[in-house]
Amino acid sequence: MENSKKTDEFYEKLKSQLYDTALWPTTYLYKFIVLTDGLGIKQIEALFDNLGAVITTTASKNGKYTSVSINVRMKNPEAVVDKYKEVAEKVDDVISL
């Protein structure tokens, strides 16, 4: 329960910061880290499919992890946070940056 409260507080703070620092709609950069040999890359790509996202991937030095960067136009901070939550819910072992 405590972890959920901290997560909710984090997302509320993020929304507030996004409202303060950008004019919406705007292009937002998502960054995620996933295991290279898992399904994470495909799952993330599927979640951003049909949004006009530009997705780039970069393998770590040893190849164990992959960074997934997504540039996509989002309509407001709520949409940004909703997408973060969707990725966290549907992709195993993902790290959001």
PDB file of N, CA and C in Angstrom:
ATOM      1  N   MET A   1       0.832  -1.199   0.000  1.00  0.00           N
ATOM      2  CA  MET A   1       0.000   0.000   0.000  1.00  0.00           C
ATOM      3  C   MET A   1       0.871   1.255   0.000  1.00  0.00           C
ATOM      4  N   GLU A   2       1.926   1.247   0.812  1.00  0.00           N
ATOM      5  CA  GLU A   2       2.819   2.394   0.900  1.00  0.00           C
ATOM      6  C   GLU A   2       3.467   2.680  -0.451  1.00  0.00           C
ATOM      7  N   ASN A   3       3.894   1.635  -1.160  1.00  0.00           N
ATOM      8  CA  ASN A   3       4.525   1.798  -2.462  1.00  0.00           C
ATOM      9  C   ASN A   3       3.551   2.422  -3.462  1.00  0.00           C
ATOM     10  N   SER A   4       2.296   2.010  -3.411  1.00  0.00           N
ATOM     11  CA  SER A   4       1.274   2.557  -4.298  1.00  0.00           C
ATOM     12  C   SER A   4       1.078   4.052  -4.033  1.00  0.00           C
ATOM     13  N   LYS A   5       1.099   4.436  -2.773  1.00  0.00           N
ATOM     14  CA  LYS A   5       0.935   5.843  -2.413  1.00  0.00           C
ATOM     15  C   LYS A   5       2.102   6.669  -2.953  1.00  0.00           C
ATOM     16  N   LYS A   6       3.324   6.140  -2.819  1.00  0.00           N
ATOM     17  CA  LYS A   6       4.499   6.845  -3.332  1.00  0.00           C
ATOM     18  C   LYS A   6       4.433   6.964  -4.852  1.00  0.00           C
ATOM     19  N   THR A   7       3.977   5.913  -5.508  1.00  0.00           N
ATOM     20  CA  THR A   7       3.843   5.936  -6.968  1.00  0.00           C
ATOM     21  C   THR A   7       2.829   6.991  -7.383  1.00  0.00           C
ATOM     22  N   ASP A   8       1.690   7.019  -6.719  1.00  0.00           N
ATOM     23  CA  ASP A   8       0.661   8.023  -7.027  1.00  0.00           C
ATOM     24  C   ASP A   8       1.193   9.440  -6.825  1.00  0.00           C
ATOM     25  N   GLU A   9       1.936   9.650  -5.737  1.00  0.00           N
ATOM     26  CA  GLU A   9       2.505  10.973  -5.462  1.00  0.00           C
ATOM     27  C   GLU A   9       3.514  11.353  -6.547  1.00  0.00           C
ATOM     28  N   PHE A  10       4.319  10.381  -6.977  1.00  0.00           N
ATOM     29  CA  PHE A  10       5.290  10.626  -8.039  1.00  0.00           C
ATOM     30  C   PHE A  10       4.583  11.087  -9.314  1.00  0.00           C
ATOM     31  N   TYR A  11       3.532  10.385  -9.705  1.00  0.00           N
ATOM     32  CA  TYR A  11       2.822  10.725 -10.939  1.00  0.00           C
ATOM     33  C   TYR A  11       2.122  12.079 -10.836  1.00  0.00           C
ATOM     34  N   GLU A  12       1.590  12.407  -9.672  1.00  0.00           N
ATOM     35  CA  GLU A  12       0.966  13.728  -9.488  1.00  0.00           C
ATOM     36  C   GLU A  12       2.004  14.839  -9.606  1.00  0.00           C
ATOM     37  N   LYS A  13       3.180  14.616  -9.031  1.00  0.00           N
ATOM     38  CA  LYS A  13       4.255  15.602  -9.124  1.00  0.00           C
ATOM     39  C   LYS A  13       4.712  15.745 -10.578  1.00  0.00           C
ATOM     40  N   LEU A  14       4.832  14.614 -11.284  1.00  0.00           N
ATOM     41  CA  LEU A  14       5.226  14.645 -12.689  1.00  0.00           C
ATOM     42  C   LEU A  14       4.220  15.441 -13.519  1.00  0.00           C
ATOM     43  N   LYS A  15       2.932  15.178 -13.306  1.00  0.00           N
ATOM     44  CA  LYS A  15       1.898  15.916 -14.043  1.00  0.00           C
ATOM     45  C   LYS A  15       2.028  17.414 -13.812  1.00  0.00           C
ATOM     46  N   SER A  16       2.216  17.804 -12.578  1.00  0.00           N
ATOM     47  CA  SER A  16       2.345  19.217 -12.237  1.00  0.00           C
ATOM     48  C   SER A  16       3.558  19.825 -12.935  1.00  0.00           C
ATOM     49  N   GLN A  17       4.683  19.115 -12.909  1.00  0.00           N
ATOM     50  CA  GLN A  17       5.892  19.621 -13.558  1.00  0.00           C
ATOM     51  C   GLN A  17       5.699  19.732 -15.066  1.00  0.00           C
ATOM     52  N   LEU A  18       5.011  18.767 -15.655  1.00  0.00           N
ATOM     53  CA  LEU A  18       4.778  18.809 -17.097  1.00  0.00           C
ATOM     54  C   LEU A  18       3.902  19.997 -17.487  1.00  0.00           C
ATOM     55  N   TYR A  19       2.884  20.278 -16.683  1.00  0.00           N
ATOM     56  CA  TYR A  19       2.041  21.450 -16.952  1.00  0.00           C
ATOM     57  C   TYR A  19       2.858  22.737 -16.860  1.00  0.00           C
ATOM     58  N   ASP A  20       3.814  22.773 -15.914  1.00  0.00           N
ATOM     59  CA  ASP A  20       4.598  23.983 -15.694  1.00  0.00           C
ATOM     60  C   ASP A  20       5.689  24.199 -16.737  1.00  0.00           C
ATOM     61  N   THR A  21       6.113  23.155 -17.425  1.00  0.00           N
ATOM     62  CA  THR A  21       7.294  23.271 -18.289  1.00  0.00           C
ATOM     63  C   THR A  21       7.025  23.134 -19.780  1.00  0.00           C
ATOM     64  N   ALA A  22       5.794  22.866 -20.180  1.00  0.00           N
ATOM     65  CA  ALA A  22       5.530  22.678 -21.615  1.00  0.00           C
ATOM     66  C   ALA A  22       4.159  23.219 -21.992  1.00  0.00           C
ATOM     67  N   LEU A  23       4.035  23.567 -23.262  1.00  0.00           N
ATOM     68  CA  LEU A  23       2.743  23.943 -23.821  1.00  0.00           C
ATOM     69  C   LEU A  23       2.163  22.712 -24.505  1.00  0.00           C
ATOM     70  N   TRP A  24       0.956  22.372 -24.176  1.00  0.00           N
ATOM     71  CA  TRP A  24       0.345  21.124 -24.657  1.00  0.00           C
ATOM     72  C   TRP A  24      -0.650  21.389 -25.760  1.00  0.00           C
ATOM     73  N   PRO A  25      -0.756  20.481 -26.742  1.00  0.00           N
ATOM     74  CA  PRO A  25      -0.014  19.223 -26.901  1.00  0.00           C
ATOM     75  C   PRO A  25       1.437  19.487 -27.294  1.00  0.00           C
ATOM     76  N   THR A  26       2.312  18.520 -26.975  1.00  0.00           N
ATOM     77  CA  THR A  26       3.731  18.636 -27.273  1.00  0.00           C
ATOM     78  C   THR A  26       4.334  17.254 -27.500  1.00  0.00           C
ATOM     79  N   THR A  27       5.530  17.245 -28.061  1.00  0.00           N
ATOM     80  CA  THR A  27       6.253  15.988 -28.232  1.00  0.00           C
ATOM     81  C   THR A  27       6.946  15.655 -26.927  1.00  0.00           C
ATOM     82  N   TYR A  28       6.766  14.421 -26.475  1.00  0.00           N
ATOM     83  CA  TYR A  28       7.332  13.972 -25.202  1.00  0.00           C
ATOM     84  C   TYR A  28       8.283  12.818 -25.461  1.00  0.00           C
ATOM     85  N   LEU A  29       9.387  12.792 -24.722  1.00  0.00           N
ATOM     86  CA  LEU A  29      10.368  11.712 -24.851  1.00  0.00           C
ATOM     87  C   LEU A  29      10.232  10.746 -23.680  1.00  0.00           C
ATOM     88  N   TYR A  30       9.832   9.525 -23.990  1.00  0.00           N
ATOM     89  CA  TYR A  30       9.805   8.439 -23.009  1.00  0.00           C
ATOM     90  C   TYR A  30      11.113   7.670 -23.129  1.00  0.00           C
ATOM     91  N   LYS A  31      11.635   7.179 -21.986  1.00  0.00           N
ATOM     92  CA  LYS A  31      12.803   6.304 -22.012  1.00  0.00           C
ATOM     93  C   LYS A  31      12.536   5.134 -21.077  1.00  0.00           C
ATOM     94  N   PHE A  32      12.797   3.951 -21.604  1.00  0.00           N
ATOM     95  CA  PHE A  32      12.622   2.737 -20.831  1.00  0.00           C
ATOM     96  C   PHE A  32      13.856   1.855 -20.991  1.00  0.00           C
ATOM     97  N   ILE A  33      14.118   1.020 -19.995  1.00  0.00           N
ATOM     98  CA  ILE A  33      15.173   0.023 -20.054  1.00  0.00           C
ATOM     99  C   ILE A  33      14.518  -1.343 -19.873  1.00  0.00           C
ATOM    100  N   VAL A  34      14.848  -2.280 -20.768  1.00  0.00           N
ATOM    101  CA  VAL A  34      14.313  -3.642 -20.685  1.00  0.00           C
ATOM    102  C   VAL A  34      15.432  -4.634 -20.965  1.00  0.00           C
ATOM    103  N   LEU A  35      15.213  -5.891 -20.580  1.00  0.00           N
ATOM    104  CA  LEU A  35      16.149  -6.955 -20.926  1.00  0.00           C
ATOM    105  C   LEU A  35      16.122  -7.152 -22.433  1.00  0.00           C
ATOM    106  N   THR A  36      17.285  -7.268 -23.032  1.00  0.00           N
ATOM    107  CA  THR A  36      17.375  -7.411 -24.482  1.00  0.00           C
ATOM    108  C   THR A  36      16.711  -8.688 -24.971  1.00  0.00           C
ATOM    109  N   ASP A  37      16.867  -9.785 -24.228  1.00  0.00           N
ATOM    110  CA  ASP A  37      16.347 -11.073 -24.694  1.00  0.00           C
ATOM    111  C   ASP A  37      14.904 -11.351 -24.287  1.00  0.00           C
ATOM    112  N   GLY A  38      14.247 -10.378 -23.678  1.00  0.00           N
ATOM    113  CA  GLY A  38      12.854 -10.565 -23.270  1.00  0.00           C
ATOM    114  C   GLY A  38      11.883 -10.027 -24.312  1.00  0.00           C
ATOM    115  N   LEU A  39      10.620  -9.987 -23.948  1.00  0.00           N
ATOM    116  CA  LEU A  39       9.575  -9.486 -24.837  1.00  0.00           C
ATOM    117  C   LEU A  39       9.342  -7.984 -24.691  1.00  0.00           C
ATOM    118  N   GLY A  40      10.058  -7.346 -23.785  1.00  0.00           N
ATOM    119  CA  GLY A  40       9.813  -5.949 -23.451  1.00  0.00           C
ATOM    120  C   GLY A  40       9.831  -4.988 -24.624  1.00  0.00           C
ATOM    121  N   ILE A  41      10.796  -5.135 -25.515  1.00  0.00           N
ATOM    122  CA  ILE A  41      10.900  -4.209 -26.645  1.00  0.00           C
ATOM    123  C   ILE A  41       9.652  -4.297 -27.508  1.00  0.00           C
ATOM    124  N   LYS A  42       9.260  -5.500 -27.857  1.00  0.00           N
ATOM    125  CA  LYS A  42       8.065  -5.691 -28.701  1.00  0.00           C
ATOM    126  C   LYS A  42       6.808  -5.197 -27.993  1.00  0.00           C
ATOM    127  N   GLN A  43       6.715  -5.447 -26.687  1.00  0.00           N
ATOM    128  CA  GLN A  43       5.540  -5.011 -25.937  1.00  0.00           C
ATOM    129  C   GLN A  43       5.445  -3.488 -25.903  1.00  0.00           C
ATOM    130  N   ILE A  44       6.569  -2.823 -25.679  1.00  0.00           N
ATOM    131  CA  ILE A  44       6.571  -1.362 -25.654  1.00  0.00           C
ATOM    132  C   ILE A  44       6.219  -0.813 -27.030  1.00  0.00           C
ATOM    133  N   GLU A  45       6.819  -1.377 -28.073  1.00  0.00           N
ATOM    134  CA  GLU A  45       6.502  -0.928 -29.430  1.00  0.00           C
ATOM    135  C   GLU A  45       5.010  -1.071 -29.720  1.00  0.00           C
ATOM    136  N   ALA A  46       4.415  -2.158 -29.273  1.00  0.00           N
ATOM    137  CA  ALA A  46       2.985  -2.383 -29.505  1.00  0.00           C
ATOM    138  C   ALA A  46       2.131  -1.343 -28.773  1.00  0.00           C
ATOM    139  N   LEU A  47       2.542  -0.944 -27.571  1.00  0.00           N
ATOM    140  CA  LEU A  47       1.775   0.034 -26.796  1.00  0.00           C
ATOM    141  C   LEU A  47       1.806   1.432 -27.425  1.00  0.00           C
ATOM    142  N   PHE A  48       2.834   1.717 -28.219  1.00  0.00           N
ATOM    143  CA  PHE A  48       2.937   3.020 -28.862  1.00  0.00           C
ATOM    144  C   PHE A  48       2.587   2.961 -30.347  1.00  0.00           C
ATOM    145  N   ASP A  49       2.122   1.793 -30.804  1.00  0.00           N
ATOM    146  CA  ASP A  49       1.728   1.626 -32.192  1.00  0.00           C
ATOM    147  C   ASP A  49       0.542   2.534 -32.503  1.00  0.00           C
ATOM    148  N   ASN A  50       0.502   3.057 -33.699  1.00  0.00           N
ATOM    149  CA  ASN A  50      -0.580   3.929 -34.180  1.00  0.00           C
ATOM    150  C   ASN A  50      -0.646   5.294 -33.498  1.00  0.00           C
ATOM    151  N   LEU A  51       0.440   5.696 -32.825  1.00  0.00           N
ATOM    152  CA  LEU A  51       0.478   7.025 -32.208  1.00  0.00           C
ATOM    153  C   LEU A  51       1.422   7.957 -32.956  1.00  0.00           C
ATOM    154  N   GLY A  52       2.031   7.467 -34.026  1.00  0.00           N
ATOM    155  CA  GLY A  52       2.988   8.277 -34.762  1.00  0.00           C
ATOM    156  C   GLY A  52       4.312   8.419 -34.039  1.00  0.00           C
ATOM    157  N   ALA A  53       4.622   7.479 -33.168  1.00  0.00           N
ATOM    158  CA  ALA A  53       5.837   7.536 -32.354  1.00  0.00           C
ATOM    159  C   ALA A  53       7.072   7.185 -33.170  1.00  0.00           C
ATOM    160  N   VAL A  54       8.164   7.859 -32.841  1.00  0.00           N
ATOM    161  CA  VAL A  54       9.475   7.516 -33.381  1.00  0.00           C
ATOM    162  C   VAL A  54      10.205   6.764 -32.279  1.00  0.00           C
ATOM    163  N   ILE A  55      10.505   5.483 -32.532  1.00  0.00           N
ATOM    164  CA  ILE A  55      11.086   4.618 -31.513  1.00  0.00           C
ATOM    165  C   ILE A  55      12.502   4.238 -31.921  1.00  0.00           C
ATOM    166  N   THR A  56      13.456   4.444 -30.996  1.00  0.00           N
ATOM    167  CA  THR A  56      14.832   4.029 -31.227  1.00  0.00           C
ATOM    168  C   THR A  56      15.270   3.136 -30.066  1.00  0.00           C
ATOM    169  N   THR A  57      16.118   2.165 -30.389  1.00  0.00           N
ATOM    170  CA  THR A  57      16.624   1.257 -29.366  1.00  0.00           C
ATOM    171  C   THR A  57      18.142   1.264 -29.396  1.00  0.00           C
ATOM    172  N   THR A  58      18.739   1.135 -28.223  1.00  0.00           N
ATOM    173  CA  THR A  58      20.189   1.086 -28.093  1.00  0.00           C
ATOM    174  C   THR A  58      20.539   0.005 -27.084  1.00  0.00           C
ATOM    175  N   ALA A  59      21.346  -0.966 -27.512  1.00  0.00           N
ATOM    176  CA  ALA A  59      21.773  -2.039 -26.613  1.00  0.00           C
ATOM    177  C   ALA A  59      22.856  -1.526 -25.675  1.00  0.00           C
ATOM    178  N   SER A  60      22.882  -2.078 -24.460  1.00  0.00           N
ATOM    179  CA  SER A  60      23.933  -1.720 -23.513  1.00  0.00           C
ATOM    180  C   SER A  60      25.266  -2.295 -23.987  1.00  0.00           C
ATOM    181  N   LYS A  61      26.334  -1.884 -23.346  1.00  0.00           N
ATOM    182  CA  LYS A  61      27.679  -2.308 -23.743  1.00  0.00           C
ATOM    183  C   LYS A  61      27.814  -3.829 -23.781  1.00  0.00           C
ATOM    184  N   ASN A  62      27.255  -4.492 -22.768  1.00  0.00           N
ATOM    185  CA  ASN A  62      27.358  -5.958 -22.723  1.00  0.00           C
ATOM    186  C   ASN A  62      26.181  -6.658 -23.408  1.00  0.00           C
ATOM    187  N   GLY A  63      25.204  -5.882 -23.888  1.00  0.00           N
ATOM    188  CA  GLY A  63      24.088  -6.443 -24.630  1.00  0.00           C
ATOM    189  C   GLY A  63      22.970  -7.035 -23.801  1.00  0.00           C
ATOM    190  N   LYS A  64      23.081  -6.963 -22.485  1.00  0.00           N
ATOM    191  CA  LYS A  64      22.057  -7.562 -21.624  1.00  0.00           C
ATOM    192  C   LYS A  64      20.780  -6.720 -21.584  1.00  0.00           C
ATOM    193  N   TYR A  65      20.935  -5.408 -21.655  1.00  0.00           N
ATOM    194  CA  TYR A  65      19.795  -4.493 -21.576  1.00  0.00           C
ATOM    195  C   TYR A  65      19.699  -3.660 -22.849  1.00  0.00           C
ATOM    196  N   THR A  66      18.484  -3.180 -23.110  1.00  0.00           N
ATOM    197  CA  THR A  66      18.252  -2.285 -24.239  1.00  0.00           C
ATOM    198  C   THR A  66      17.484  -1.068 -23.762  1.00  0.00           C
ATOM    199  N   SER A  67      17.947   0.100 -24.188  1.00  0.00           N
ATOM    200  CA  SER A  67      17.254   1.347 -23.929  1.00  0.00           C
ATOM    201  C   SER A  67      16.273   1.583 -25.075  1.00  0.00           C
ATOM    202  N   VAL A  68      15.037   1.891 -24.723  1.00  0.00           N
ATOM    203  CA  VAL A  68      14.015   2.176 -25.719  1.00  0.00           C
ATOM    204  C   VAL A  68      13.593   3.632 -25.524  1.00  0.00           C
ATOM    205  N   SER A  69      13.848   4.459 -26.547  1.00  0.00           N
ATOM    206  CA  SER A  69      13.471   5.877 -26.509  1.00  0.00           C
ATOM    207  C   SER A  69      12.321   6.093 -27.475  1.00  0.00           C
ATOM    208  N   ILE A  70      11.310   6.816 -27.023  1.00  0.00           N
ATOM    209  CA  ILE A  70      10.112   7.034 -27.828  1.00  0.00           C
ATOM    210  C   ILE A  70       9.779   8.518 -27.835  1.00  0.00           C
ATOM    211  N   ASN A  71       9.777   9.113 -29.011  1.00  0.00           N
ATOM    212  CA  ASN A  71       9.317  10.484 -29.195  1.00  0.00           C
ATOM    213  C   ASN A  71       7.912  10.417 -29.771  1.00  0.00           C
ATOM    214  N   VAL A  72       6.970  10.991 -29.048  1.00  0.00           N
ATOM    215  CA  VAL A  72       5.584  10.921 -29.493  1.00  0.00           C
ATOM    216  C   VAL A  72       4.833  12.174 -29.039  1.00  0.00           C
ATOM    217  N   ARG A  73       3.936  12.633 -29.867  1.00  0.00           N
ATOM    218  CA  ARG A  73       3.124  13.809 -29.537  1.00  0.00           C
ATOM    219  C   ARG A  73       2.005  13.387 -28.583  1.00  0.00           C
ATOM    220  N   MET A  74       1.973  14.031 -27.427  1.00  0.00           N
ATOM    221  CA  MET A  74       0.958  13.717 -26.417  1.00  0.00           C
ATOM    222  C   MET A  74       0.092  14.947 -26.205  1.00  0.00           C
ATOM    223  N   LYS A  75      -1.206  14.710 -25.919  1.00  0.00           N
ATOM    224  CA  LYS A  75      -2.137  15.833 -25.829  1.00  0.00           C
ATOM    225  C   LYS A  75      -2.067  16.590 -24.509  1.00  0.00           C
ATOM    226  N   ASN A  76      -1.687  15.900 -23.413  1.00  0.00           N
ATOM    227  CA  ASN A  76      -1.605  16.569 -22.116  1.00  0.00           C
ATOM    228  C   ASN A  76      -0.836  15.696 -21.117  1.00  0.00           C
ATOM    229  N   PRO A  77      -0.485  16.255 -19.953  1.00  0.00           N
ATOM    230  CA  PRO A  77       0.255  15.479 -18.963  1.00  0.00           C
ATOM    231  C   PRO A  77      -0.479  14.216 -18.485  1.00  0.00           C
ATOM    232  N   GLU A  78      -1.803  14.258 -18.440  1.00  0.00           N
ATOM    233  CA  GLU A  78      -2.546  13.057 -18.040  1.00  0.00           C
ATOM    234  C   GLU A  78      -2.287  11.904 -19.009  1.00  0.00           C
ATOM    235  N   ALA A  79      -2.228  12.220 -20.304  1.00  0.00           N
ATOM    236  CA  ALA A  79      -1.956  11.194 -21.317  1.00  0.00           C
ATOM    237  C   ALA A  79      -0.550  10.634 -21.143  1.00  0.00           C
ATOM    238  N   VAL A  80       0.404  11.488 -20.783  1.00  0.00           N
ATOM    239  CA  VAL A  80       1.775  11.041 -20.542  1.00  0.00           C
ATOM    240  C   VAL A  80       1.806  10.053 -19.379  1.00  0.00           C
ATOM    241  N   VAL A  81       1.187  10.425 -18.277  1.00  0.00           N
ATOM    242  CA  VAL A  81       1.173   9.578 -17.086  1.00  0.00           C
ATOM    243  C   VAL A  81       0.408   8.279 -17.353  1.00  0.00           C
ATOM    244  N   ASP A  82      -0.712   8.362 -18.050  1.00  0.00           N
ATOM    245  CA  ASP A  82      -1.483   7.152 -18.367  1.00  0.00           C
ATOM    246  C   ASP A  82      -0.644   6.158 -19.161  1.00  0.00           C
ATOM    247  N   LYS A  83       0.184   6.664 -20.087  1.00  0.00           N
ATOM    248  CA  LYS A  83       1.022   5.777 -20.891  1.00  0.00           C
ATOM    249  C   LYS A  83       2.113   5.142 -20.029  1.00  0.00           C
ATOM    250  N   TYR A  84       2.703   5.918 -19.112  1.00  0.00           N
ATOM    251  CA  TYR A  84       3.686   5.341 -18.189  1.00  0.00           C
ATOM    252  C   TYR A  84       3.053   4.203 -17.381  1.00  0.00           C
ATOM    253  N   LYS A  85       1.850   4.439 -16.874  1.00  0.00           N
ATOM    254  CA  LYS A  85       1.159   3.422 -16.074  1.00  0.00           C
ATOM    255  C   LYS A  85       0.852   2.188 -16.908  1.00  0.00           C
ATOM    256  N   GLU A  86       0.431   2.387 -18.161  1.00  0.00           N
ATOM    257  CA  GLU A  86       0.122   1.270 -19.044  1.00  0.00           C
ATOM    258  C   GLU A  86       1.367   0.422 -19.304  1.00  0.00           C
ATOM    259  N   VAL A  87       2.489   1.077 -19.549  1.00  0.00           N
ATOM    260  CA  VAL A  87       3.733   0.339 -19.780  1.00  0.00           C
ATOM    261  C   VAL A  87       4.127  -0.436 -18.522  1.00  0.00           C
ATOM    262  N   ALA A  88       4.056   0.203 -17.352  1.00  0.00           N
ATOM    263  CA  ALA A  88       4.415  -0.459 -16.102  1.00  0.00           C
ATOM    264  C   ALA A  88       3.531  -1.675 -15.835  1.00  0.00           C
ATOM    265  N   GLU A  89       2.256  -1.562 -16.212  1.00  0.00           N
ATOM    266  CA  GLU A  89       1.299  -2.641 -15.980  1.00  0.00           C
ATOM    267  C   GLU A  89       1.480  -3.810 -16.947  1.00  0.00           C
ATOM    268  N   LYS A  90       1.842  -3.516 -18.189  1.00  0.00           N
ATOM    269  CA  LYS A  90       1.828  -4.546 -19.230  1.00  0.00           C
ATOM    270  C   LYS A  90       3.193  -5.101 -19.622  1.00  0.00           C
ATOM    271  N   VAL A  91       4.270  -4.449 -19.200  1.00  0.00           N
ATOM    272  CA  VAL A  91       5.606  -4.896 -19.588  1.00  0.00           C
ATOM    273  C   VAL A  91       6.359  -5.343 -18.324  1.00  0.00           C
ATOM    274  N   ASP A  92       6.782  -6.598 -18.315  1.00  0.00           N
ATOM    275  CA  ASP A  92       7.516  -7.133 -17.169  1.00  0.00           C
ATOM    276  C   ASP A  92       8.931  -6.577 -17.124  1.00  0.00           C
ATOM    277  N   ASP A  93       9.425  -6.359 -15.912  1.00  0.00           N
ATOM    278  CA  ASP A  93      10.816  -5.963 -15.669  1.00  0.00           C
ATOM    279  C   ASP A  93      11.245  -4.726 -16.446  1.00  0.00           C
ATOM    280  N   VAL A  94      10.358  -3.758 -16.581  1.00  0.00           N
ATOM    281  CA  VAL A  94      10.690  -2.515 -17.287  1.00  0.00           C
ATOM    282  C   VAL A  94      11.110  -1.465 -16.259  1.00  0.00           C
ATOM    283  N   ILE A  95      12.094  -0.659 -16.645  1.00  0.00           N
ATOM    284  CA  ILE A  95      12.516   0.480 -15.821  1.00  0.00           C
ATOM    285  C   ILE A  95      12.166   1.734 -16.619  1.00  0.00           C
ATOM    286  N   SER A  96      11.392   2.606 -16.001  1.00  0.00           N
ATOM    287  CA  SER A  96      11.020   3.878 -16.644  1.00  0.00           C
ATOM    288  C   SER A  96      11.986   4.960 -16.186  1.00  0.00           C
ATOM    289  N   LEU A  97      12.474   5.727 -17.132  1.00  0.00           N
ATOM    290  CA  LEU A  97      13.413   6.817 -16.780  1.00  0.00           C
ATOM    291  C   LEU A  97      12.736   8.161 -17.019  1.00  0.00           C
TER     292      LEU A  97
END
